[in-house]
Protein backbone atom coordinates (compact mmCIF):
# COMPACT_ATOMS: atom_id res chain seq x y z
CA MET A 1 -101.75 40.29 -109.28
CA PRO A 2 -101.29 37.53 -106.73
CA LYS A 3 -103.21 37.90 -103.47
CA TYR A 4 -100.16 37.11 -101.32
CA ARG A 5 -98.49 40.33 -102.49
CA VAL A 6 -101.47 42.36 -101.29
CA GLY A 7 -101.19 40.61 -97.91
CA ARG A 8 -97.48 41.33 -97.63
CA VAL A 9 -97.97 44.97 -98.59
CA SER A 10 -100.78 45.26 -96.01
CA GLN A 11 -98.55 43.91 -93.27
CA GLU A 12 -95.69 46.19 -94.25
CA ILE A 13 -97.96 49.24 -94.33
CA GLN A 14 -99.35 48.33 -90.91
CA LYS A 15 -95.86 48.04 -89.43
CA GLU A 16 -94.59 51.25 -91.00
CA VAL A 17 -97.67 53.38 -90.26
CA SER A 18 -97.53 52.28 -86.63
CA ASP A 19 -93.86 53.25 -86.46
CA ILE A 20 -94.46 56.60 -88.19
CA ILE A 21 -97.30 57.49 -85.81
CA MET A 22 -95.16 56.67 -82.78
CA LYS A 23 -91.98 58.41 -83.92
CA ARG A 24 -92.86 61.17 -86.39
CA VAL A 25 -96.38 62.42 -85.69
CA ARG A 26 -96.24 65.03 -82.92
CA ASP A 27 -100.00 65.64 -82.65
CA PRO A 28 -101.17 64.89 -79.08
CA ARG A 29 -104.56 63.79 -80.45
CA VAL A 30 -103.00 60.61 -81.86
CA ASP A 31 -101.20 59.53 -78.67
CA GLY A 32 -102.14 55.99 -77.72
CA VAL A 33 -103.33 54.96 -81.19
CA THR A 34 -102.76 51.34 -82.10
CA ILE A 35 -102.90 50.22 -85.73
CA THR A 36 -104.92 47.00 -85.76
CA GLY A 37 -105.07 46.23 -89.46
CA VAL A 38 -104.77 47.44 -93.03
CA GLU A 39 -106.84 46.51 -96.08
CA VAL A 40 -105.25 47.29 -99.43
CA THR A 41 -107.09 47.19 -102.74
CA GLY A 42 -105.91 44.71 -105.35
CA ASP A 43 -104.22 47.41 -107.41
CA LEU A 44 -102.38 48.73 -104.32
CA GLN A 45 -103.75 52.23 -104.91
CA GLN A 46 -105.79 52.63 -101.71
CA ALA A 47 -105.34 51.44 -98.16
CA GLN A 48 -107.87 51.46 -95.33
CA VAL A 49 -105.97 51.69 -92.03
CA TYR A 50 -107.85 50.48 -88.94
CA TYR A 51 -106.89 51.82 -85.54
CA SER A 52 -108.05 51.52 -81.95
CA THR A 53 -107.71 53.67 -78.87
CA LEU A 54 -108.21 52.95 -75.20
CA ASP A 55 -110.36 56.04 -74.78
CA GLU A 56 -114.09 55.44 -75.26
CA ASP A 57 -115.13 59.11 -74.94
CA LYS A 58 -116.91 60.24 -78.12
CA ASP A 59 -115.14 63.61 -78.20
CA ALA A 60 -111.72 61.97 -77.78
CA ILE A 61 -112.52 59.49 -80.57
CA LYS A 62 -113.54 62.36 -82.86
CA ASP A 63 -110.35 64.29 -81.99
CA THR A 64 -108.22 61.22 -82.71
CA GLN A 65 -109.88 60.80 -86.12
CA LEU A 66 -109.27 64.48 -86.92
CA GLY A 67 -105.64 64.17 -85.80
CA LEU A 68 -105.08 61.17 -88.04
CA GLU A 69 -106.74 62.87 -91.01
CA LYS A 70 -104.54 65.92 -90.46
CA ALA A 71 -101.39 63.74 -90.32
CA THR A 72 -102.31 61.67 -93.41
CA GLY A 73 -100.03 63.68 -95.72
CA LEU A 74 -97.00 63.27 -93.46
CA ILE A 75 -97.72 59.57 -92.93
CA ARG A 76 -98.13 58.95 -96.67
CA LYS A 77 -94.92 60.86 -97.49
CA GLU A 78 -92.93 58.87 -94.92
CA LEU A 79 -94.54 55.65 -96.10
CA GLY A 80 -93.52 56.42 -99.68
CA SER A 81 -89.89 56.81 -98.68
CA ARG A 82 -89.92 53.55 -96.67
CA LEU A 83 -91.74 51.26 -99.13
CA SER A 84 -90.52 50.24 -102.54
CA LEU A 85 -93.79 50.64 -104.40
CA HIS A 86 -94.35 52.37 -107.71
CA LYS A 87 -97.11 54.51 -106.19
CA THR A 88 -97.81 55.06 -102.50
CA PRO A 89 -101.40 54.11 -101.66
CA GLU A 90 -103.96 56.72 -100.64
CA LEU A 91 -104.58 56.29 -96.91
CA THR A 92 -107.90 56.48 -95.11
CA PHE A 93 -108.27 55.89 -91.39
CA ALA A 94 -111.18 54.10 -89.74
CA ARG A 95 -111.71 53.23 -86.09
CA ASP A 96 -111.68 49.50 -85.39
CA GLU A 97 -114.88 48.95 -83.41
CA SER A 98 -114.18 45.26 -82.73
CA ILE A 99 -111.97 46.07 -79.71
CA ALA A 100 -114.68 48.18 -78.06
CA TYR A 101 -117.27 45.51 -78.91
CA GLY A 102 -115.10 42.82 -77.30
CA ASN A 103 -114.63 44.94 -74.18
CA ARG A 104 -118.40 45.43 -73.92
CA ILE A 105 -119.01 41.67 -74.19
CA ASP A 106 -116.34 41.03 -71.54
CA THR A 107 -118.00 43.54 -69.21
CA LEU A 108 -121.42 41.92 -69.69
CA LEU A 109 -120.01 38.43 -69.03
CA ASN A 110 -118.35 39.66 -65.84
CA GLN A 111 -121.65 41.19 -64.70
CA ILE A 112 -123.47 37.90 -65.31
CA ARG A 113 -120.79 35.99 -63.40
CA ASP A 114 -121.00 38.41 -60.46
CA GLU A 115 -124.80 38.12 -60.39
CA ASP A 116 -124.57 34.31 -60.41
CA GLN A 117 -122.11 34.39 -57.50
CA ASN A 118 -124.41 36.69 -55.53
CA LEU A 119 -127.34 34.34 -56.12
CA ASP A 120 -125.31 31.32 -54.94
CA SER A 121 -124.31 33.08 -51.71
């Protein structure tokens, strides 16, 4: 199967899952979730959905993961009705750590800059 189809399906799943979470999932644990990417297997049977949240609290992150796992059935059902695929992929959710990592690097760079300014004064 051509790789460009997998890419198109990934983009479509990302768009639709984001829309479903915003409009259909009523669980307060998933408020503020942003879908950052989707990886679909070559046979389109499984999809890894990456998400990020603004909250860095470990308990809140755990609650968000549990909320998404609980809503997986609803999300997959809605996704199946919106996509024209023979079989709707199995969804698994994983937190995208790259956003938090980038924020940490930004914080460290700002600290270094502030220290350099204090030394110059």
